[in-house]
Amino acid sequence: MDTERTSHDILQDKQLFSLLRTQEDIWRVFRVMSEFVEGFETLSKLGPCVTIFGSARTKPHSMYYDLTVEVAREFARSGYGVISGGGPGIMEAANKGAKDAGGASVGINIDLPFEQAANPFIDKDKLITFRHFYVRKVMFLKYAQGFVAMPGGFGTMDELFEALTLIQTKKVMTSPVILMGKDYWAGLVEWLRRRMLEDGNITEKDLSLFVMTDDPKIAVKTVVDFYQSITHTPNF
């Protein structure tokens, strides 16, 4: 049997591959759209909220877990719901604090093969599980009136700098950003000042986009004071 492939055979294979990929991508668009629709329908019903970012690996009753619980409680007592990533660690602490104080407790979960079962402190009608990280990040940002970054890893850094970038470039409304835990964040802030600022990659004004504190009351006051004369609305 002659197994030699002609240029016509190769061209047909390429065309078939392209057709299959196009069809697959079209269906992916519809799956992504369905996630956006579910998120918008659920979260558009919320009142004022803050999003709390942080590590899934933080152990219960460790220092930053307990600090997160207290931060979330303070926000709930001040009339703000709390949005978390829906999983364990800092996310669980955020939902626990909101639940303890009677505030809205929202979980925007992500489907992962590890680390990310939904925590038990989320209001049953306010849990959404997404497949795509980028859809999830839109939901973190669109319906929050403030952002609190607790200690965390790559995911927390991604979420924090996404928020800062969109605020810096005015793609979303300016909202308060709070870094909780001076000991954890001080080195990064110093690097931003010593390298990014000195190299001209950011401006002094950009460094004013966030506040660093250890005090939950200061975190809440930062957000409350910001909205004294501004109406709470979705960010975009």
Protein backbone atom coordinates (compact mmCIF):
# COMPACT_ATOMS: atom_id res chain seq x y z
CA MET A 1 0.00 0.00 0.00
CA ASP A 2 1.29 3.45 -0.91
CA THR A 3 1.47 5.38 2.37
CA GLU A 4 2.99 8.50 0.95
CA ARG A 5 0.85 11.53 1.81
CA THR A 6 0.24 14.12 -0.84
CA SER A 7 0.10 17.86 -0.28
CA HIS A 8 -3.65 17.59 -0.93
CA ASP A 9 -4.02 15.10 1.96
CA ILE A 10 -2.12 17.38 4.29
CA LEU A 11 -4.23 20.38 3.27
CA GLN A 12 -7.43 18.43 3.92
CA ASP A 13 -6.17 17.43 7.38
CA LYS A 14 -5.38 21.04 8.21
CA GLN A 15 -8.80 22.18 7.06
CA LEU A 16 -10.53 19.49 9.14
CA PHE A 17 -8.45 20.38 12.19
CA SER A 18 -9.30 24.06 11.75
CA LEU A 19 -13.02 23.28 11.42
CA LEU A 20 -13.04 21.15 14.58
CA ARG A 21 -11.15 23.78 16.56
CA THR A 22 -13.52 26.51 15.37
CA GLN A 23 -16.57 24.49 16.42
CA GLU A 24 -15.00 23.72 19.80
CA ASP A 25 -14.18 27.39 20.38
CA ILE A 26 -17.73 28.45 19.46
CA TRP A 27 -19.19 26.08 22.06
CA ARG A 28 -16.66 27.37 24.58
CA VAL A 29 -17.96 30.89 23.99
CA PHE A 30 -21.46 29.74 24.94
CA ARG A 31 -20.18 28.04 28.11
CA VAL A 32 -18.36 31.21 29.12
CA MET A 33 -21.48 33.30 28.38
CA SER A 34 -23.56 31.05 30.61
CA GLU A 35 -21.13 31.64 33.49
CA PHE A 36 -21.35 35.40 33.03
CA VAL A 37 -25.16 35.26 32.96
CA GLU A 38 -25.34 33.19 36.14
CA GLY A 39 -22.91 35.50 37.91
CA PHE A 40 -24.70 38.69 36.84
CA GLU A 41 -28.12 37.32 37.79
CA THR A 42 -26.98 36.25 41.26
CA LEU A 43 -24.69 39.11 42.23
CA SER A 44 -26.70 42.00 40.80
CA LYS A 45 -29.16 41.47 43.67
CA LEU A 46 -26.53 42.22 46.32
CA GLY A 47 -26.25 45.43 48.29
CA PRO A 48 -22.89 47.08 49.03
CA CYS A 49 -20.09 44.51 49.37
CA VAL A 50 -16.35 44.20 49.80
CA THR A 51 -14.27 41.45 48.26
CA ILE A 52 -11.71 39.78 50.50
CA PHE A 53 -8.78 38.02 48.78
CA GLY A 54 -6.40 35.61 50.50
CA SER A 55 -4.80 32.20 50.63
CA ALA A 56 -6.75 28.94 50.54
CA ARG A 57 -3.94 27.38 52.62
CA THR A 58 -4.28 29.49 55.75
CA LYS A 59 -5.11 27.25 58.71
CA PRO A 60 -8.17 27.84 60.91
CA HIS A 61 -7.46 29.92 64.02
CA SER A 62 -4.04 31.00 62.79
CA MET A 63 -3.22 34.70 63.13
CA TYR A 64 -4.36 35.79 59.67
CA TYR A 65 -7.42 33.52 59.71
CA ASP A 66 -8.64 35.14 62.92
CA LEU A 67 -7.78 38.61 61.60
CA THR A 68 -9.85 37.92 58.49
CA VAL A 69 -12.82 36.80 60.58
CA GLU A 70 -12.67 40.07 62.50
CA VAL A 71 -12.30 42.18 59.36
CA ALA A 72 -15.34 40.51 57.79
CA ARG A 73 -17.36 40.95 60.99
CA GLU A 74 -16.54 44.64 61.08
CA PHE A 75 -17.63 45.11 57.48
CA ALA A 76 -20.86 43.19 58.07
CA ARG A 77 -21.63 45.28 61.16
CA SER A 78 -21.18 48.38 58.99
CA GLY A 79 -23.71 47.19 56.42
CA TYR A 80 -21.41 45.58 53.86
CA GLY A 81 -21.72 42.07 52.51
CA VAL A 82 -18.55 40.05 52.04
CA ILE A 83 -17.51 38.35 48.81
CA SER A 84 -14.83 35.65 48.95
CA GLY A 85 -13.41 33.04 46.62
CA GLY A 86 -15.67 30.51 48.32
CA GLY A 87 -13.01 28.02 49.39
CA PRO A 88 -11.07 27.25 52.58
CA GLY A 89 -8.44 29.29 54.42
CA ILE A 90 -8.79 33.07 54.25
CA MET A 91 -11.89 32.66 52.08
CA GLU A 92 -13.58 30.55 54.73
CA ALA A 93 -12.61 33.06 57.42
CA ALA A 94 -14.13 35.91 55.39
CA ASN A 95 -17.43 34.09 54.97
CA LYS A 96 -17.43 33.03 58.62
CA GLY A 97 -16.98 36.59 59.82
CA ALA A 98 -19.78 37.86 57.60
CA LYS A 99 -22.08 35.05 58.68
CA ASP A 100 -21.32 35.61 62.38
CA ALA A 101 -22.34 39.26 62.09
CA GLY A 102 -25.46 38.65 60.02
CA GLY A 103 -24.10 40.09 56.78
CA ALA A 104 -24.44 38.74 53.25
CA SER A 105 -21.88 35.97 52.78
CA VAL A 106 -21.03 35.39 49.12
CA GLY A 107 -18.81 32.66 47.69
CA ILE A 108 -17.44 32.85 44.15
CA ASN A 109 -15.90 29.41 43.92
CA ILE A 110 -13.67 27.90 41.24
CA ASP A 111 -13.71 24.32 39.97
CA LEU A 112 -10.25 22.91 40.78
CA PRO A 113 -8.92 19.38 41.28
CA PHE A 114 -7.57 20.39 44.71
CA GLU A 115 -7.96 22.91 47.55
CA GLN A 116 -11.29 24.36 46.53
CA ALA A 117 -14.36 22.72 48.06
CA ALA A 118 -16.86 25.40 49.04
CA ASN A 119 -16.76 26.39 52.71
CA PRO A 120 -19.88 25.98 54.91
CA PHE A 121 -20.30 29.67 55.82
CA ILE A 122 -21.62 30.88 52.45
CA ASP A 123 -25.31 31.80 52.14
CA LYS A 124 -26.93 29.00 50.15
CA ASP A 125 -28.37 31.39 47.56
CA LYS A 126 -25.04 33.21 47.13
CA LEU A 127 -22.68 30.40 46.10
CA ILE A 128 -21.54 30.25 42.47
CA THR A 129 -18.91 27.84 41.13
CA PHE A 130 -17.08 28.88 37.99
CA ARG A 131 -14.94 26.92 35.59
CA HIS A 132 -13.00 29.89 34.24
CA PHE A 133 -10.77 32.09 36.37
CA TYR A 134 -11.27 35.15 34.20
CA VAL A 135 -15.06 35.06 34.61
CA ARG A 136 -14.60 34.67 38.36
CA LYS A 137 -12.31 37.71 38.53
CA VAL A 138 -14.90 39.84 36.74
CA MET A 139 -17.40 38.92 39.46
CA PHE A 140 -14.92 39.76 42.24
CA LEU A 141 -14.48 43.22 40.76
CA LYS A 142 -17.85 44.21 39.30
CA TYR A 143 -19.98 43.99 42.42
CA ALA A 144 -17.55 45.08 45.16
CA GLN A 145 -17.17 48.58 46.59
CA GLY A 146 -13.85 47.81 48.20
CA PHE A 147 -11.09 45.21 48.13
CA VAL A 148 -9.22 43.71 51.07
CA ALA A 149 -6.07 41.70 50.37
CA MET A 150 -5.07 39.34 53.14
CA PRO A 151 -1.82 37.34 52.94
CA GLY A 152 -1.83 34.86 50.09
CA GLY A 153 0.04 33.36 47.18
CA PHE A 154 0.04 33.67 43.40
CA GLY A 155 -3.76 33.79 43.16
CA THR A 156 -4.02 36.57 45.73
CA MET A 157 -1.33 38.58 43.95
CA ASP A 158 -3.13 38.09 40.64
CA GLU A 159 -6.43 39.31 42.10
CA LEU A 160 -4.84 42.24 43.94
CA PHE A 161 -2.91 43.55 40.95
CA GLU A 162 -5.89 42.99 38.64
CA ALA A 163 -7.90 45.31 40.89
CA LEU A 164 -5.10 47.87 41.13
CA THR A 165 -4.48 47.82 37.37
CA LEU A 166 -8.14 48.37 36.51
CA ILE A 167 -8.42 51.20 39.04
CA GLN A 168 -5.14 52.75 37.84
CA THR A 169 -6.26 52.67 34.19
CA LYS A 170 -9.80 53.82 35.06
CA LYS A 171 -11.41 50.76 33.54
CA VAL A 172 -13.45 50.47 36.75
CA MET A 173 -14.61 53.05 39.25
CA THR A 174 -12.04 53.99 41.87
CA SER A 175 -12.57 51.88 44.98
CA PRO A 176 -10.59 51.51 48.22
CA VAL A 177 -7.97 48.77 48.31
CA ILE A 178 -6.67 47.67 51.71
CA LEU A 179 -3.66 45.48 52.41
CA MET A 180 -4.25 43.76 55.76
CA GLY A 181 -1.13 42.63 57.62
CA LYS A 182 1.75 45.09 57.58
CA ASP A 183 4.34 42.44 58.33
CA TYR A 184 3.29 40.44 55.27
CA TRP A 185 2.90 43.30 52.78
CA ALA A 186 5.63 45.74 53.89
CA GLY A 187 8.37 44.08 51.84
CA LEU A 188 6.28 44.17 48.66
CA VAL A 189 5.31 47.81 49.21
CA GLU A 190 8.97 48.70 49.76
CA TRP A 191 9.88 46.94 46.52
CA LEU A 192 7.16 48.82 44.66
CA ARG A 193 8.56 52.08 45.98
CA ARG A 194 12.24 51.25 45.60
CA ARG A 195 12.12 49.56 42.18
CA MET A 196 8.87 50.25 40.32
CA LEU A 197 8.61 53.89 41.36
CA GLU A 198 12.31 54.70 41.06
CA ASP A 199 12.48 53.01 37.65
CA GLY A 200 9.54 55.12 36.48
CA ASN A 201 7.16 52.21 35.95
CA ILE A 202 4.55 53.65 38.33
CA THR A 203 3.95 57.10 39.79
CA GLU A 204 3.70 58.31 43.37
CA LYS A 205 -0.04 58.66 42.79
CA ASP A 206 -0.28 54.95 42.01
CA LEU A 207 1.06 54.14 45.48
CA SER A 208 -1.90 56.01 46.95
CA LEU A 209 -4.33 53.51 45.42
CA PHE A 210 -4.03 51.27 48.48
CA VAL A 211 -3.86 51.53 52.27
CA MET A 212 -1.86 49.15 54.46
CA THR A 213 -3.03 48.43 58.02
CA ASP A 214 -3.35 45.82 60.77
CA ASP A 215 -6.52 47.31 62.21
CA PRO A 216 -9.92 46.00 61.00
CA LYS A 217 -11.61 49.22 62.13
CA ILE A 218 -9.28 51.29 59.95
CA ALA A 219 -10.02 48.99 57.00
CA VAL A 220 -13.75 49.51 57.43
CA LYS A 221 -13.40 53.25 58.05
CA THR A 222 -11.40 53.59 54.83
CA VAL A 223 -14.29 52.17 52.83
CA VAL A 224 -17.09 53.88 54.78
CA ASP A 225 -15.42 57.30 54.54
CA PHE A 226 -14.80 56.85 50.81
CA TYR A 227 -18.52 56.42 50.20
CA GLN A 228 -19.73 59.29 52.37
CA SER A 229 -20.51 61.31 49.26
CA ILE A 230 -20.48 58.61 46.59
CA THR A 231 -23.32 56.23 45.72
CA HIS A 232 -22.64 52.52 45.87
CA THR A 233 -22.89 51.14 42.34
CA PRO A 234 -21.37 48.28 40.34
CA ASN A 235 -17.87 49.14 39.17
CA PHE A 236 -18.56 48.92 35.44
